[in-house]
N, C-alpha and C. Protein backbone atom coordinates (compact mmCIF):
# COMPACT_ATOMS: atom_id res chain seq x y z
N UNK A 1 9.02 -19.60 12.59
CA UNK A 1 9.99 -19.78 11.50
C UNK A 1 10.79 -18.49 11.30
N UNK A 2 11.98 -18.62 10.74
CA UNK A 2 12.83 -17.47 10.45
C UNK A 2 12.23 -16.66 9.31
N UNK A 3 12.29 -15.35 9.43
CA UNK A 3 11.81 -14.47 8.36
C UNK A 3 12.86 -14.39 7.27
N UNK A 4 12.47 -14.75 6.05
CA UNK A 4 13.38 -14.71 4.91
C UNK A 4 13.05 -13.58 3.94
N UNK A 5 11.78 -13.14 3.95
CA UNK A 5 11.35 -12.13 2.99
C UNK A 5 10.50 -11.07 3.70
N UNK A 6 10.84 -9.81 3.46
CA UNK A 6 10.05 -8.70 3.99
C UNK A 6 9.29 -8.08 2.81
N UNK A 7 7.97 -8.08 2.90
CA UNK A 7 7.11 -7.57 1.83
C UNK A 7 6.54 -6.22 2.27
N UNK A 8 6.88 -5.19 1.51
CA UNK A 8 6.40 -3.85 1.82
C UNK A 8 5.19 -3.49 0.95
N UNK A 9 4.15 -2.95 1.58
CA UNK A 9 3.15 -2.22 0.83
C UNK A 9 3.84 -0.95 0.33
N UNK A 10 3.20 -0.24 -0.60
CA UNK A 10 3.83 0.96 -1.14
C UNK A 10 3.24 2.23 -0.53
N UNK A 11 1.99 2.54 -0.86
CA UNK A 11 1.37 3.77 -0.40
C UNK A 11 1.15 3.75 1.11
N UNK A 12 1.71 4.74 1.79
CA UNK A 12 1.56 4.83 3.24
C UNK A 12 2.61 4.08 4.01
N UNK A 13 3.39 3.25 3.33
CA UNK A 13 4.46 2.48 3.98
C UNK A 13 5.83 2.90 3.45
N UNK A 14 5.94 3.01 2.13
CA UNK A 14 7.19 3.48 1.51
C UNK A 14 7.11 4.96 1.15
N UNK A 15 5.98 5.35 0.57
CA UNK A 15 5.80 6.76 0.19
C UNK A 15 4.59 7.33 0.93
N UNK A 16 4.72 8.56 1.36
CA UNK A 16 3.68 9.20 2.17
C UNK A 16 2.62 9.81 1.25
N UNK A 17 1.90 8.94 0.58
CA UNK A 17 1.02 9.35 -0.52
C UNK A 17 -0.46 9.32 -0.20
N UNK A 18 -0.86 8.68 0.89
CA UNK A 18 -2.27 8.42 1.13
C UNK A 18 -3.12 9.69 1.20
N UNK A 19 -2.71 10.65 2.01
CA UNK A 19 -3.49 11.87 2.16
C UNK A 19 -3.53 12.65 0.85
N UNK A 20 -2.38 12.73 0.17
CA UNK A 20 -2.31 13.47 -1.10
C UNK A 20 -3.27 12.86 -2.12
N UNK A 21 -3.15 11.55 -2.36
CA UNK A 21 -3.95 10.89 -3.39
C UNK A 21 -5.43 10.92 -3.07
N UNK A 22 -5.76 10.70 -1.81
CA UNK A 22 -7.17 10.65 -1.45
C UNK A 22 -7.82 12.03 -1.41
N UNK A 23 -7.03 13.07 -1.19
CA UNK A 23 -7.59 14.42 -1.28
C UNK A 23 -7.87 14.79 -2.73
N UNK A 24 -7.00 14.35 -3.63
CA UNK A 24 -7.26 14.57 -5.07
C UNK A 24 -8.54 13.84 -5.47
N UNK A 25 -8.71 12.62 -4.99
CA UNK A 25 -9.93 11.86 -5.27
C UNK A 25 -11.15 12.57 -4.69
N UNK A 26 -11.03 13.06 -3.47
CA UNK A 26 -12.14 13.78 -2.82
C UNK A 26 -12.57 14.97 -3.68
N UNK A 27 -11.61 15.75 -4.13
CA UNK A 27 -11.92 16.93 -4.93
C UNK A 27 -12.56 16.53 -6.27
N UNK A 28 -12.07 15.46 -6.87
CA UNK A 28 -12.61 15.02 -8.15
C UNK A 28 -14.06 14.58 -8.03
N UNK A 29 -14.41 13.94 -6.91
CA UNK A 29 -15.76 13.42 -6.74
C UNK A 29 -16.79 14.51 -6.48
N UNK A 30 -16.33 15.67 -6.01
CA UNK A 30 -17.26 16.79 -5.79
C UNK A 30 -17.96 17.15 -7.10
N UNK A 31 -17.22 17.07 -8.19
CA UNK A 31 -17.79 17.40 -9.50
C UNK A 31 -18.87 16.43 -9.95
N UNK A 32 -18.99 15.30 -9.26
CA UNK A 32 -20.02 14.30 -9.60
C UNK A 32 -21.07 14.21 -8.49
N UNK A 33 -21.09 15.24 -7.65
CA UNK A 33 -22.14 15.33 -6.64
C UNK A 33 -21.89 14.54 -5.37
N UNK A 34 -20.67 14.02 -5.21
CA UNK A 34 -20.36 13.24 -4.01
C UNK A 34 -19.46 14.06 -3.09
N UNK A 35 -19.98 14.45 -1.96
CA UNK A 35 -19.25 15.28 -1.00
C UNK A 35 -18.87 14.43 0.21
N UNK A 36 -17.59 14.13 0.32
CA UNK A 36 -17.08 13.34 1.44
C UNK A 36 -15.88 14.07 2.04
N UNK A 37 -15.68 13.92 3.35
CA UNK A 37 -14.49 14.48 3.98
C UNK A 37 -13.29 13.61 3.63
N UNK A 38 -12.09 14.14 3.83
CA UNK A 38 -10.89 13.35 3.57
C UNK A 38 -10.85 12.14 4.49
N UNK A 39 -11.35 12.28 5.71
CA UNK A 39 -11.39 11.15 6.64
C UNK A 39 -12.32 10.05 6.13
N UNK A 40 -13.46 10.44 5.59
CA UNK A 40 -14.41 9.47 5.04
C UNK A 40 -13.84 8.77 3.82
N UNK A 41 -13.18 9.54 2.97
CA UNK A 41 -12.57 8.98 1.76
C UNK A 41 -11.52 7.94 2.14
N UNK A 42 -10.66 8.28 3.09
CA UNK A 42 -9.59 7.37 3.47
C UNK A 42 -10.12 6.13 4.16
N UNK A 43 -11.13 6.29 4.99
CA UNK A 43 -11.73 5.13 5.66
C UNK A 43 -12.34 4.17 4.64
N UNK A 44 -12.91 4.72 3.60
CA UNK A 44 -13.62 3.92 2.61
C UNK A 44 -12.69 3.25 1.60
N UNK A 45 -11.59 3.92 1.21
CA UNK A 45 -10.85 3.49 0.04
C UNK A 45 -9.37 3.13 0.25
N UNK A 46 -8.76 3.53 1.37
CA UNK A 46 -7.33 3.25 1.56
C UNK A 46 -7.07 1.75 1.56
N UNK A 47 -6.04 1.37 0.82
CA UNK A 47 -5.64 -0.03 0.76
C UNK A 47 -6.23 -0.82 -0.38
N UNK A 48 -7.19 -0.22 -1.10
CA UNK A 48 -7.88 -0.93 -2.19
C UNK A 48 -7.30 -0.56 -3.55
N UNK A 49 -7.42 -1.47 -4.49
CA UNK A 49 -7.00 -1.18 -5.86
C UNK A 49 -7.99 -0.21 -6.48
N UNK A 50 -7.56 0.50 -7.53
CA UNK A 50 -8.47 1.44 -8.19
C UNK A 50 -9.65 0.71 -8.81
N UNK A 51 -9.45 -0.52 -9.24
CA UNK A 51 -10.57 -1.30 -9.79
C UNK A 51 -11.65 -1.50 -8.73
N UNK A 52 -11.22 -1.81 -7.51
CA UNK A 52 -12.17 -1.99 -6.41
C UNK A 52 -12.80 -0.66 -6.02
N UNK A 53 -11.99 0.40 -6.01
CA UNK A 53 -12.51 1.74 -5.70
C UNK A 53 -13.61 2.12 -6.69
N UNK A 54 -13.41 1.83 -7.96
CA UNK A 54 -14.39 2.19 -8.97
C UNK A 54 -15.69 1.40 -8.79
N UNK A 55 -15.59 0.15 -8.39
CA UNK A 55 -16.78 -0.67 -8.11
C UNK A 55 -17.55 -0.06 -6.94
N UNK A 56 -16.84 0.34 -5.90
CA UNK A 56 -17.50 0.93 -4.73
C UNK A 56 -18.14 2.27 -5.08
N UNK A 57 -17.45 3.07 -5.90
CA UNK A 57 -18.00 4.36 -6.29
C UNK A 57 -19.26 4.19 -7.13
N UNK A 58 -19.27 3.16 -7.97
CA UNK A 58 -20.47 2.90 -8.79
C UNK A 58 -21.67 2.61 -7.88
N UNK A 59 -21.44 1.87 -6.81
CA UNK A 59 -22.52 1.56 -5.88
C UNK A 59 -22.97 2.80 -5.11
N UNK A 60 -22.01 3.62 -4.69
CA UNK A 60 -22.33 4.82 -3.93
C UNK A 60 -23.09 5.84 -4.77
N UNK A 61 -22.60 6.03 -6.01
CA UNK A 61 -23.20 7.04 -6.89
C UNK A 61 -24.45 6.54 -7.61
N UNK A 62 -24.52 5.23 -7.75
CA UNK A 62 -25.65 4.66 -8.48
C UNK A 62 -25.51 4.79 -9.98
N UNK A 63 -24.30 5.07 -10.44
CA UNK A 63 -24.05 5.20 -11.89
C UNK A 63 -22.55 5.07 -12.14
N UNK A 64 -22.19 4.83 -13.39
CA UNK A 64 -20.79 4.74 -13.78
C UNK A 64 -20.19 6.14 -13.92
N UNK A 65 -18.93 6.26 -13.56
CA UNK A 65 -18.20 7.47 -13.85
C UNK A 65 -17.73 7.44 -15.30
N UNK A 66 -17.48 8.58 -15.93
CA UNK A 66 -17.09 8.60 -17.34
C UNK A 66 -15.76 7.89 -17.59
N UNK A 67 -15.56 7.47 -18.82
CA UNK A 67 -14.36 6.71 -19.19
C UNK A 67 -13.07 7.48 -18.89
N UNK A 68 -13.12 8.79 -18.98
CA UNK A 68 -11.91 9.60 -18.79
C UNK A 68 -11.61 9.88 -17.31
N UNK A 69 -12.48 9.43 -16.40
CA UNK A 69 -12.31 9.76 -14.98
C UNK A 69 -10.95 9.31 -14.45
N UNK A 70 -10.58 8.06 -14.71
CA UNK A 70 -9.34 7.53 -14.15
C UNK A 70 -8.10 8.21 -14.72
N UNK A 71 -8.07 8.45 -16.03
CA UNK A 71 -6.90 9.10 -16.62
C UNK A 71 -6.77 10.53 -16.12
N UNK A 72 -7.90 11.22 -15.97
CA UNK A 72 -7.89 12.59 -15.46
C UNK A 72 -7.44 12.59 -13.99
N UNK A 73 -7.94 11.62 -13.21
CA UNK A 73 -7.56 11.52 -11.81
C UNK A 73 -6.06 11.24 -11.66
N UNK A 74 -5.54 10.35 -12.48
CA UNK A 74 -4.12 10.01 -12.40
C UNK A 74 -3.25 11.22 -12.73
N UNK A 75 -3.64 11.97 -13.75
CA UNK A 75 -2.87 13.16 -14.12
C UNK A 75 -2.81 14.16 -12.97
N UNK A 76 -3.95 14.39 -12.34
CA UNK A 76 -4.01 15.33 -11.21
C UNK A 76 -3.24 14.78 -10.00
N UNK A 77 -3.33 13.46 -9.79
CA UNK A 77 -2.63 12.84 -8.66
C UNK A 77 -1.12 12.92 -8.84
N UNK A 78 -0.63 12.59 -10.03
CA UNK A 78 0.80 12.65 -10.30
C UNK A 78 1.33 14.07 -10.18
N UNK A 79 0.52 15.04 -10.58
CA UNK A 79 0.91 16.45 -10.45
C UNK A 79 1.06 16.82 -8.97
N UNK A 80 0.11 16.35 -8.16
CA UNK A 80 0.18 16.62 -6.71
C UNK A 80 1.38 15.92 -6.09
N UNK A 81 1.66 14.70 -6.53
CA UNK A 81 2.84 13.97 -6.05
C UNK A 81 4.12 14.73 -6.38
N UNK A 82 4.20 15.24 -7.59
CA UNK A 82 5.40 15.95 -8.03
C UNK A 82 5.73 17.12 -7.12
N UNK A 83 4.69 17.74 -6.58
CA UNK A 83 4.88 18.92 -5.74
C UNK A 83 5.08 18.59 -4.26
N UNK A 84 4.54 17.44 -3.82
CA UNK A 84 4.46 17.22 -2.37
C UNK A 84 4.95 15.87 -1.85
N UNK A 85 5.13 14.88 -2.71
CA UNK A 85 5.39 13.52 -2.22
C UNK A 85 6.77 13.37 -1.57
N UNK A 86 6.78 12.68 -0.43
CA UNK A 86 8.01 12.38 0.30
C UNK A 86 8.02 10.91 0.70
N UNK A 87 9.19 10.33 0.94
CA UNK A 87 9.22 8.98 1.50
C UNK A 87 8.61 8.99 2.90
N UNK A 88 8.08 7.87 3.33
CA UNK A 88 7.62 7.75 4.71
C UNK A 88 8.82 7.96 5.64
N UNK A 89 8.59 8.65 6.73
CA UNK A 89 9.66 8.98 7.66
C UNK A 89 10.43 7.74 8.12
N UNK A 90 11.73 7.78 7.90
CA UNK A 90 12.61 6.70 8.37
C UNK A 90 12.74 5.52 7.45
N UNK A 91 11.94 5.44 6.38
CA UNK A 91 11.93 4.22 5.58
C UNK A 91 13.20 4.07 4.75
N UNK A 92 13.80 5.16 4.31
CA UNK A 92 15.03 5.05 3.52
C UNK A 92 16.13 4.38 4.34
N UNK A 93 16.27 4.79 5.60
CA UNK A 93 17.28 4.18 6.47
C UNK A 93 16.99 2.70 6.69
N UNK A 94 15.72 2.35 6.83
CA UNK A 94 15.34 0.96 7.05
C UNK A 94 15.72 0.12 5.83
N UNK A 95 15.42 0.62 4.65
CA UNK A 95 15.76 -0.11 3.42
C UNK A 95 17.28 -0.25 3.28
N UNK A 96 18.01 0.79 3.64
CA UNK A 96 19.46 0.73 3.58
C UNK A 96 20.00 -0.31 4.55
N UNK A 97 19.44 -0.35 5.75
CA UNK A 97 19.86 -1.35 6.75
C UNK A 97 19.54 -2.76 6.29
N UNK A 98 18.42 -2.93 5.61
CA UNK A 98 18.02 -4.26 5.15
C UNK A 98 18.96 -4.80 4.07
N UNK A 99 19.66 -3.92 3.36
CA UNK A 99 20.61 -4.39 2.35
C UNK A 99 21.80 -5.11 3.01
N UNK A 100 21.97 -4.89 4.30
CA UNK A 100 23.07 -5.51 5.03
C UNK A 100 22.61 -6.72 5.84
N UNK A 101 21.32 -7.04 5.75
CA UNK A 101 20.75 -8.13 6.52
C UNK A 101 20.40 -9.30 5.60
N UNK A 102 20.20 -10.50 6.14
CA UNK A 102 19.96 -11.68 5.30
C UNK A 102 18.60 -11.69 4.61
N UNK A 103 17.65 -10.95 5.12
CA UNK A 103 16.31 -10.97 4.53
C UNK A 103 16.29 -10.27 3.18
N UNK A 104 15.51 -10.84 2.25
CA UNK A 104 15.27 -10.19 0.97
C UNK A 104 14.04 -9.30 1.11
N UNK A 105 13.86 -8.39 0.17
CA UNK A 105 12.72 -7.48 0.23
C UNK A 105 12.02 -7.39 -1.11
N UNK A 106 10.72 -7.05 -1.07
CA UNK A 106 9.97 -6.79 -2.29
C UNK A 106 8.79 -5.88 -1.94
N UNK A 107 8.06 -5.46 -2.98
CA UNK A 107 6.86 -4.63 -2.81
C UNK A 107 5.66 -5.41 -3.31
N UNK A 108 4.55 -5.35 -2.57
CA UNK A 108 3.28 -5.93 -3.02
C UNK A 108 2.19 -4.90 -2.73
N UNK A 109 1.70 -4.28 -3.78
CA UNK A 109 0.82 -3.12 -3.61
C UNK A 109 -0.47 -3.24 -4.40
N UNK A 110 -1.49 -2.53 -3.93
CA UNK A 110 -2.73 -2.40 -4.69
C UNK A 110 -2.57 -1.44 -5.86
N UNK A 111 -1.52 -0.64 -5.83
CA UNK A 111 -1.28 0.35 -6.87
C UNK A 111 -0.83 -0.27 -8.18
N UNK A 112 -0.98 0.49 -9.24
CA UNK A 112 -0.56 0.04 -10.57
C UNK A 112 0.96 0.16 -10.69
N UNK A 113 1.54 -0.54 -11.67
CA UNK A 113 2.97 -0.43 -11.93
C UNK A 113 3.34 1.01 -12.30
N UNK A 114 2.50 1.64 -13.09
CA UNK A 114 2.77 3.01 -13.51
C UNK A 114 2.86 3.94 -12.31
N UNK A 115 1.94 3.77 -11.38
CA UNK A 115 1.94 4.62 -10.18
C UNK A 115 3.18 4.35 -9.33
N UNK A 116 3.50 3.07 -9.10
CA UNK A 116 4.67 2.75 -8.28
C UNK A 116 5.96 3.19 -8.93
N UNK A 117 6.04 3.04 -10.25
CA UNK A 117 7.23 3.49 -10.97
C UNK A 117 7.43 4.99 -10.76
N UNK A 118 6.31 5.73 -10.78
CA UNK A 118 6.38 7.18 -10.60
C UNK A 118 6.75 7.54 -9.17
N UNK A 119 6.04 6.98 -8.19
CA UNK A 119 6.25 7.39 -6.80
C UNK A 119 7.57 6.89 -6.23
N UNK A 120 7.93 5.65 -6.52
CA UNK A 120 9.20 5.12 -6.01
C UNK A 120 10.38 5.74 -6.73
N UNK A 121 10.18 6.09 -8.00
CA UNK A 121 11.23 6.79 -8.74
C UNK A 121 11.41 8.21 -8.22
N UNK A 122 10.30 8.89 -7.98
CA UNK A 122 10.33 10.27 -7.51
C UNK A 122 11.02 10.39 -6.16
N UNK A 123 10.82 9.40 -5.30
CA UNK A 123 11.39 9.43 -3.94
C UNK A 123 12.72 8.69 -3.84
N UNK A 124 13.22 8.20 -4.98
CA UNK A 124 14.51 7.50 -5.04
C UNK A 124 14.56 6.27 -4.14
N UNK A 125 13.46 5.49 -4.16
CA UNK A 125 13.40 4.25 -3.39
C UNK A 125 13.37 3.01 -4.28
N UNK A 126 13.10 3.20 -5.54
CA UNK A 126 12.87 2.08 -6.45
C UNK A 126 14.08 1.15 -6.54
N UNK A 127 15.27 1.71 -6.51
CA UNK A 127 16.48 0.89 -6.71
C UNK A 127 16.70 -0.13 -5.60
N UNK A 128 16.12 0.10 -4.43
CA UNK A 128 16.29 -0.84 -3.33
C UNK A 128 15.67 -2.21 -3.64
N UNK A 129 14.69 -2.24 -4.53
CA UNK A 129 13.91 -3.47 -4.74
C UNK A 129 14.34 -4.29 -5.95
N UNK A 130 15.27 -3.78 -6.74
CA UNK A 130 15.89 -4.53 -7.83
C UNK A 130 14.85 -5.25 -8.71
N UNK A 131 13.77 -4.55 -9.00
CA UNK A 131 12.75 -5.13 -9.88
C UNK A 131 11.75 -6.03 -9.21
N UNK A 132 11.90 -6.25 -7.93
CA UNK A 132 10.98 -7.14 -7.19
C UNK A 132 9.78 -6.33 -6.68
N UNK A 133 8.96 -5.90 -7.62
CA UNK A 133 7.80 -5.07 -7.34
C UNK A 133 6.57 -5.72 -7.97
N UNK A 134 5.55 -5.97 -7.14
CA UNK A 134 4.37 -6.70 -7.61
C UNK A 134 3.10 -5.87 -7.36
N UNK A 135 2.17 -5.98 -8.30
CA UNK A 135 0.94 -5.20 -8.26
C UNK A 135 -0.28 -6.11 -8.22
N UNK A 136 -1.34 -5.63 -7.58
CA UNK A 136 -2.59 -6.39 -7.53
C UNK A 136 -3.17 -6.61 -8.92
N UNK A 137 -2.70 -5.84 -9.91
CA UNK A 137 -3.15 -6.04 -11.29
C UNK A 137 -2.70 -7.39 -11.84
N UNK A 138 -1.76 -8.05 -11.14
CA UNK A 138 -1.24 -9.34 -11.60
C UNK A 138 -2.03 -10.53 -11.05
N UNK A 139 -2.97 -10.26 -10.17
CA UNK A 139 -3.73 -11.35 -9.56
C UNK A 139 -5.23 -11.13 -9.75
N UNK A 140 -6.00 -12.17 -9.49
CA UNK A 140 -7.44 -12.11 -9.73
C UNK A 140 -8.14 -11.18 -8.75
N UNK A 141 -7.73 -11.24 -7.47
CA UNK A 141 -8.42 -10.47 -6.44
C UNK A 141 -7.43 -9.58 -5.70
N UNK A 142 -7.83 -8.35 -5.43
CA UNK A 142 -6.99 -7.44 -4.68
C UNK A 142 -7.19 -7.60 -3.18
N UNK A 143 -6.50 -6.79 -2.41
CA UNK A 143 -6.67 -6.77 -0.96
C UNK A 143 -8.13 -6.39 -0.66
N UNK A 144 -8.77 -7.03 0.31
CA UNK A 144 -8.23 -7.80 1.45
C UNK A 144 -8.02 -9.29 1.20
N UNK A 145 -8.08 -9.73 -0.03
CA UNK A 145 -7.77 -11.13 -0.32
C UNK A 145 -6.25 -11.33 -0.29
N UNK A 146 -5.80 -12.55 -0.07
CA UNK A 146 -4.36 -12.80 0.10
C UNK A 146 -3.58 -12.93 -1.20
N UNK A 147 -4.27 -12.86 -2.34
CA UNK A 147 -3.66 -13.21 -3.63
C UNK A 147 -2.33 -12.53 -3.91
N UNK A 148 -2.24 -11.20 -3.71
CA UNK A 148 -1.02 -10.47 -4.08
C UNK A 148 0.16 -10.88 -3.20
N UNK A 149 -0.10 -11.18 -1.93
CA UNK A 149 0.98 -11.60 -1.04
C UNK A 149 1.47 -13.00 -1.40
N UNK A 150 0.54 -13.89 -1.68
CA UNK A 150 0.92 -15.25 -2.07
C UNK A 150 1.66 -15.24 -3.40
N UNK A 151 1.23 -14.37 -4.31
CA UNK A 151 1.91 -14.25 -5.61
C UNK A 151 3.34 -13.74 -5.42
N UNK A 152 3.49 -12.72 -4.57
CA UNK A 152 4.82 -12.16 -4.32
C UNK A 152 5.74 -13.21 -3.70
N UNK A 153 5.23 -13.95 -2.72
CA UNK A 153 6.04 -14.99 -2.07
C UNK A 153 6.44 -16.06 -3.08
N UNK A 154 5.50 -16.44 -3.93
CA UNK A 154 5.80 -17.46 -4.95
C UNK A 154 6.87 -16.97 -5.92
N UNK A 155 6.72 -15.73 -6.37
CA UNK A 155 7.70 -15.17 -7.31
C UNK A 155 9.08 -15.03 -6.68
N UNK A 156 9.12 -14.82 -5.37
CA UNK A 156 10.40 -14.68 -4.68
C UNK A 156 10.91 -16.02 -4.17
N UNK A 157 10.13 -17.10 -4.40
CA UNK A 157 10.55 -18.44 -3.98
C UNK A 157 10.60 -18.60 -2.48
N UNK A 158 9.61 -18.06 -1.79
CA UNK A 158 9.63 -18.07 -0.33
C UNK A 158 8.33 -18.64 0.22
N UNK A 159 8.44 -19.42 1.29
CA UNK A 159 7.28 -19.94 1.99
C UNK A 159 6.53 -18.77 2.64
N UNK A 160 5.20 -18.67 2.47
CA UNK A 160 4.46 -17.58 3.11
C UNK A 160 4.70 -17.47 4.61
N UNK A 161 4.92 -18.59 5.27
CA UNK A 161 5.16 -18.57 6.72
C UNK A 161 6.48 -17.93 7.08
N UNK A 162 7.35 -17.72 6.10
CA UNK A 162 8.64 -17.07 6.34
C UNK A 162 8.66 -15.63 5.84
N UNK A 163 7.46 -15.07 5.63
CA UNK A 163 7.34 -13.69 5.15
C UNK A 163 6.84 -12.76 6.25
N UNK A 164 7.37 -11.56 6.25
CA UNK A 164 6.90 -10.49 7.12
C UNK A 164 6.37 -9.37 6.24
N UNK A 165 5.12 -8.99 6.46
CA UNK A 165 4.49 -7.93 5.66
C UNK A 165 4.44 -6.64 6.47
N UNK A 166 4.78 -5.53 5.83
CA UNK A 166 4.68 -4.20 6.44
C UNK A 166 3.51 -3.50 5.76
N UNK A 167 2.46 -3.25 6.51
CA UNK A 167 1.22 -2.69 5.96
C UNK A 167 0.72 -1.53 6.82
N UNK A 168 -0.14 -0.70 6.22
CA UNK A 168 -0.74 0.38 7.00
C UNK A 168 -2.26 0.41 6.89
N UNK A 169 -2.83 -0.43 6.03
CA UNK A 169 -4.29 -0.38 5.83
C UNK A 169 -4.96 -1.63 6.35
N UNK A 170 -6.22 -1.49 6.70
CA UNK A 170 -7.00 -2.63 7.19
C UNK A 170 -7.12 -3.72 6.13
N UNK A 171 -7.49 -3.41 4.87
CA UNK A 171 -7.55 -4.45 3.84
C UNK A 171 -6.22 -5.15 3.65
N UNK A 172 -5.13 -4.38 3.72
CA UNK A 172 -3.81 -4.97 3.54
C UNK A 172 -3.46 -5.95 4.64
N UNK A 173 -3.75 -5.58 5.87
CA UNK A 173 -3.46 -6.46 7.00
C UNK A 173 -4.33 -7.71 6.94
N UNK A 174 -5.58 -7.56 6.60
CA UNK A 174 -6.48 -8.70 6.49
C UNK A 174 -5.97 -9.69 5.43
N UNK A 175 -5.50 -9.17 4.32
CA UNK A 175 -4.99 -10.02 3.26
C UNK A 175 -3.71 -10.75 3.65
N UNK A 176 -2.82 -10.04 4.32
CA UNK A 176 -1.55 -10.64 4.73
C UNK A 176 -1.78 -11.73 5.78
N UNK A 177 -2.69 -11.49 6.71
CA UNK A 177 -3.03 -12.50 7.72
C UNK A 177 -3.64 -13.72 7.03
N UNK A 178 -4.51 -13.49 6.06
CA UNK A 178 -5.14 -14.59 5.32
C UNK A 178 -4.10 -15.40 4.54
N UNK A 179 -3.00 -14.75 4.18
CA UNK A 179 -1.93 -15.44 3.46
C UNK A 179 -1.03 -16.24 4.39
N UNK A 180 -1.27 -16.14 5.70
CA UNK A 180 -0.47 -16.88 6.66
C UNK A 180 0.87 -16.25 6.96
N UNK A 181 0.96 -14.92 6.80
CA UNK A 181 2.21 -14.20 7.01
C UNK A 181 2.17 -13.39 8.29
N UNK A 182 3.34 -13.11 8.84
CA UNK A 182 3.43 -12.21 9.97
C UNK A 182 3.24 -10.78 9.46
N UNK A 183 2.63 -9.92 10.27
CA UNK A 183 2.31 -8.57 9.81
C UNK A 183 2.66 -7.52 10.85
N UNK A 184 3.42 -6.52 10.42
CA UNK A 184 3.63 -5.33 11.22
C UNK A 184 2.71 -4.25 10.66
N UNK A 185 1.87 -3.69 11.51
CA UNK A 185 0.88 -2.69 11.09
C UNK A 185 1.40 -1.30 11.44
N UNK A 186 1.87 -0.59 10.42
CA UNK A 186 2.40 0.76 10.63
C UNK A 186 1.23 1.72 10.78
N UNK A 187 1.10 2.30 11.96
CA UNK A 187 -0.07 3.13 12.26
C UNK A 187 0.34 4.53 12.68
N UNK A 188 -0.10 5.52 11.89
CA UNK A 188 0.15 6.92 12.24
C UNK A 188 -1.16 7.71 12.20
N UNK A 189 -2.28 7.00 11.98
CA UNK A 189 -3.56 7.69 11.84
C UNK A 189 -4.57 7.27 12.92
N UNK A 190 -4.07 6.75 14.05
CA UNK A 190 -4.96 6.42 15.16
C UNK A 190 -5.87 5.23 14.91
N UNK A 191 -5.41 4.27 14.11
CA UNK A 191 -6.21 3.09 13.84
C UNK A 191 -5.70 1.87 14.58
N UNK A 192 -4.90 2.08 15.61
CA UNK A 192 -4.21 0.98 16.29
C UNK A 192 -5.12 -0.19 16.63
N UNK A 193 -6.28 0.11 17.22
CA UNK A 193 -7.17 -0.96 17.69
C UNK A 193 -7.68 -1.80 16.53
N UNK A 194 -8.15 -1.15 15.45
CA UNK A 194 -8.68 -1.87 14.30
C UNK A 194 -7.59 -2.73 13.65
N UNK A 195 -6.40 -2.17 13.51
CA UNK A 195 -5.31 -2.90 12.88
C UNK A 195 -4.87 -4.08 13.73
N UNK A 196 -4.88 -3.90 15.04
CA UNK A 196 -4.50 -5.00 15.95
C UNK A 196 -5.54 -6.11 15.92
N UNK A 197 -6.81 -5.74 15.91
CA UNK A 197 -7.88 -6.74 15.85
C UNK A 197 -7.78 -7.55 14.57
N UNK A 198 -7.36 -6.89 13.48
CA UNK A 198 -7.22 -7.58 12.19
C UNK A 198 -6.04 -8.55 12.17
N UNK A 199 -5.14 -8.44 13.15
CA UNK A 199 -4.04 -9.38 13.26
C UNK A 199 -2.67 -8.79 13.08
N UNK A 200 -2.58 -7.46 12.99
CA UNK A 200 -1.28 -6.83 12.84
C UNK A 200 -0.65 -6.49 14.19
N UNK A 201 0.67 -6.59 14.24
CA UNK A 201 1.41 -6.12 15.41
C UNK A 201 1.70 -4.65 15.16
N UNK A 202 1.06 -3.77 15.91
CA UNK A 202 1.09 -2.34 15.61
C UNK A 202 2.45 -1.72 15.95
N UNK A 203 2.98 -0.95 15.00
CA UNK A 203 4.20 -0.18 15.22
C UNK A 203 3.93 1.28 14.82
N UNK A 204 4.64 2.19 15.42
CA UNK A 204 4.46 3.61 15.09
C UNK A 204 5.71 4.22 14.49
N UNK A 205 6.76 3.42 14.37
CA UNK A 205 8.02 3.88 13.81
C UNK A 205 8.59 2.81 12.89
N UNK A 206 9.16 3.22 11.79
CA UNK A 206 9.77 2.26 10.87
C UNK A 206 10.99 1.58 11.51
N UNK A 207 11.57 2.19 12.51
CA UNK A 207 12.71 1.56 13.20
C UNK A 207 12.33 0.25 13.83
N UNK A 208 11.03 0.09 14.13
CA UNK A 208 10.55 -1.14 14.75
C UNK A 208 10.66 -2.34 13.81
N UNK A 209 10.75 -2.09 12.51
CA UNK A 209 10.92 -3.20 11.55
C UNK A 209 12.25 -3.90 11.80
N UNK A 210 13.31 -3.13 11.92
CA UNK A 210 14.63 -3.71 12.17
C UNK A 210 14.69 -4.36 13.53
N UNK A 211 14.08 -3.71 14.52
CA UNK A 211 14.07 -4.29 15.89
C UNK A 211 13.37 -5.64 15.87
N UNK A 212 12.27 -5.73 15.13
CA UNK A 212 11.52 -6.98 15.07
C UNK A 212 12.35 -8.08 14.42
N UNK A 213 13.05 -7.76 13.35
CA UNK A 213 13.85 -8.76 12.66
C UNK A 213 15.06 -9.20 13.48
N UNK A 214 15.54 -8.30 14.28
CA UNK A 214 16.73 -8.64 15.11
C UNK A 214 16.34 -9.47 16.33
């Protein structure tokens, strides 16, 4: 079927935030006795909503983190973003090109609206989506379940089979495949094999999005 809607993940696809955010998380967890490398943190948590991350941390630590943990983490993460966050290489040009193409675009992310508002605003990408930004907080289950993708397609009035998802995480690709959508797996961290097995067509450049649509 013809692709009518391109659904972008946010972190790692639009904004180069994964290493920054997960390193802040790594540092924060040291204070609670959990010592993990940045590679371990990213393998464990990339692509998941913070609600899911907190559930996993509770199991790993064997106890709840304090109520202020998330607000403190967000403050430190936003501060790090302010100093270092950049758009993913080539994505601005891709979004600009898509404004001239028949496909519509939207965002479907595990991140909160507050986080996306901050990161997409900071990198001057938010205006491309004209309010068509959806968060896993709007659905019952986050990635790797298909809920957020199906919700985004429904809100955009599009058949899931006519959607193309741009993802970089294993949970994200699994969810998009479960939603019955085509998936381009943006890989810059050497996960090609895992992402391909999950059902994504692996790309290493954002230019491949336009090539695929053409």
